[in-house]
C-alpha atoms as a PDB file:
ATOM      1  CA  MET A   1     322.285  89.197-113.082  1.00  0.00           C
ATOM      2  CA  ASP A   2     325.753  89.993-112.054  1.00  0.00           C
ATOM      3  CA  ASN A   3     328.485  91.625-114.057  1.00  0.00           C
ATOM      4  CA  GLN A   4     330.565  88.441-114.238  1.00  0.00           C
ATOM      5  CA  PHE A   5     327.762  86.636-116.064  1.00  0.00           C
ATOM      6  CA  PHE A   6     327.754  89.279-118.808  1.00  0.00           C
ATOM      7  CA  LYS A   7     331.547  89.222-119.029  1.00  0.00           C
ATOM      8  CA  ASN A   8     331.456  85.441-119.509  1.00  0.00           C
ATOM      9  CA  VAL A   9     328.840  85.726-122.245  1.00  0.00           C
ATOM     10  CA  GLU A  10     330.858  88.429-123.990  1.00  0.00           C
ATOM     11  CA  LYS A  11     334.000  86.322-123.770  1.00  0.00           C
ATOM     12  CA  LYS A  12     332.302  83.225-125.230  1.00  0.00           C
ATOM     13  CA  THR A  13     330.350  84.976-127.978  1.00  0.00           C
ATOM     14  CA  GLY A  14     332.424  88.027-128.768  1.00  0.00           C
ATOM     15  CA  VAL A  15     329.198  90.049-128.663  1.00  0.00           C
ATOM     16  CA  ASN A  16     329.071  93.148-126.489  1.00  0.00           C
ATOM     17  CA  MET A  17     326.228  92.760-123.981  1.00  0.00           C
ATOM     18  CA  LYS A  18     325.521  96.489-124.118  1.00  0.00           C
ATOM     19  CA  ASP A  19     324.701  96.048-127.815  1.00  0.00           C
ATOM     20  CA  VAL A  20     322.473  93.053-127.054  1.00  0.00           C
ATOM     21  CA  LEU A  21     320.554  94.942-124.396  1.00  0.00           C
ATOM     22  CA  GLU A  22     320.137  97.973-126.670  1.00  0.00           C
ATOM     23  CA  LEU A  23     318.801  95.742-129.431  1.00  0.00           C
ATOM     24  CA  ALA A  24     316.411  94.010-127.032  1.00  0.00           C
ATOM     25  CA  ASN A  25     315.080  97.382-125.869  1.00  0.00           C
ATOM     26  CA  SER A  26     314.577  98.543-129.444  1.00  0.00           C
ATOM     27  CA  LEU A  27     312.525  95.425-130.227  1.00  0.00           C
ATOM     28  CA  GLN A  28     309.955  95.906-127.491  1.00  0.00           C
ATOM     29  CA  HIS A  29     307.555  97.937-129.639  1.00  0.00           C
ATOM     30  CA  ALA A  30     308.717  96.958-133.114  1.00  0.00           C
ATOM     31  CA  ASN A  31     306.259  95.871-135.801  1.00  0.00           C
ATOM     32  CA  PHE A  32     307.310  92.376-136.845  1.00  0.00           C
ATOM     33  CA  LYS A  33     304.760  92.269-139.647  1.00  0.00           C
ATOM     34  CA  ASP A  34     306.814  94.987-141.370  1.00  0.00           C
ATOM     35  CA  GLU A  35     309.404  93.524-143.734  1.00  0.00           C
ATOM     36  CA  LYS A  36     311.763  96.509-143.460  1.00  0.00           C
ATOM     37  CA  THR A  37     311.800  96.272-139.643  1.00  0.00           C
ATOM     38  CA  VAL A  38     312.498  92.538-139.692  1.00  0.00           C
ATOM     39  CA  ARG A  39     315.295  92.907-142.258  1.00  0.00           C
ATOM     40  CA  GLY A  40     316.884  95.602-140.114  1.00  0.00           C
ATOM     41  CA  VAL A  41     316.815  93.351-137.057  1.00  0.00           C
ATOM     42  CA  ILE A  42     318.321  90.426-138.979  1.00  0.00           C
ATOM     43  CA  GLN A  43     321.089  92.606-140.363  1.00  0.00           C
ATOM     44  CA  ARG A  44     321.825  94.089-136.952  1.00  0.00           C
ATOM     45  CA  VAL A  45     322.014  90.665-135.289  1.00  0.00           C
ATOM     46  CA  ALA A  46     324.248  89.372-138.087  1.00  0.00           C
ATOM     47  CA  GLN A  47     326.528  92.375-137.671  1.00  0.00           C
ATOM     48  CA  MET A  48     326.699  91.878-133.909  1.00  0.00           C
ATOM     49  CA  ALA A  49     327.551  88.199-134.415  1.00  0.00           C
ATOM     50  CA  ASN A  50     330.060  89.084-137.143  1.00  0.00           C
ATOM     51  CA  ARG A  51     328.281  86.803-139.620  1.00  0.00           C
ATOM     52  CA  LYS A  52     327.183  87.234-143.203  1.00  0.00           C
ATOM     53  CA  VAL A  53     323.585  86.313-143.966  1.00  0.00           C
ATOM     54  CA  PRO A  54     323.094  85.473-147.640  1.00  0.00           C
ATOM     55  CA  LYS A  55     320.196  87.302-149.324  1.00  0.00           C
ATOM     56  CA  GLU A  56     318.321  84.028-149.875  1.00  0.00           C
ATOM     57  CA  MET A  57     318.569  83.147-146.166  1.00  0.00           C
ATOM     58  CA  GLU A  58     317.516  86.660-145.147  1.00  0.00           C
ATOM     59  CA  ASP A  59     314.480  86.377-147.436  1.00  0.00           C
ATOM     60  CA  LYS A  60     313.473  83.054-145.836  1.00  0.00           C
ATOM     61  CA  ILE A  61     313.834  84.448-142.318  1.00  0.00           C
ATOM     62  CA  VAL A  62     311.872  87.583-143.193  1.00  0.00           C
ATOM     63  CA  GLN A  63     309.073  85.594-144.831  1.00  0.00           C
ATOM     64  CA  SER A  64     308.831  83.213-141.899  1.00  0.00           C
ATOM     65  CA  ILE A  65     308.692  85.997-139.296  1.00  0.00           C
ATOM     66  CA  THR A  66     306.382  88.389-141.145  1.00  0.00           C
ATOM     67  CA  SER A  67     303.937  85.567-141.878  1.00  0.00           C
ATOM     68  CA  GLY A  68     303.726  84.771-138.177  1.00  0.00           C
ATOM     69  CA  LYS A  69     305.154  81.251-138.551  1.00  0.00           C
ATOM     70  CA  GLU A  70     308.110  82.124-136.318  1.00  0.00           C
ATOM     71  CA  LYS A  71     308.457  84.571-133.476  1.00  0.00           C
ATOM     72  CA  LEU A  72     311.361  86.980-133.608  1.00  0.00           C
ATOM     73  CA  ASP A  73     313.976  86.305-130.969  1.00  0.00           C
ATOM     74  CA  PHE A  74     317.688  85.606-130.896  1.00  0.00           C
ATOM     75  CA  GLY A  75     317.133  81.841-130.689  1.00  0.00           C
ATOM     76  CA  THR A  76     314.950  81.764-133.781  1.00  0.00           C
ATOM     77  CA  ILE A  77     317.309  83.900-135.844  1.00  0.00           C
ATOM     78  CA  SER A  78     320.334  81.942-134.661  1.00  0.00           C
ATOM     79  CA  LYS A  79     318.668  78.634-135.501  1.00  0.00           C
ATOM     80  CA  MET A  80     317.669  79.834-138.972  1.00  0.00           C
ATOM     81  CA  MET A  81     321.143  81.192-139.692  1.00  0.00           C
ATOM     82  CA  LYS A  82     322.655  77.786-138.952  1.00  0.00           C
ATOM     83  CA  LYS A  83     320.519  76.002-141.576  1.00  0.00           C
END
């Protein structure tokens, strides 16, 4: 992908693509059955998106991911945060 693509994404979302890529790399070998790991990812994504995730919503996301009902990716977390 070219540099302009990333600049456009950054401009639209306000999220630094370097941060996104670092997060993606850190997730490659993460244990998504571990509640602490999943909570850390949710909090990091929320911070990157400059959004607050209420404790109740975080609990629902964590339960859904650690139980295997949902896979952990940006789309899933984003969708759950919008509910």
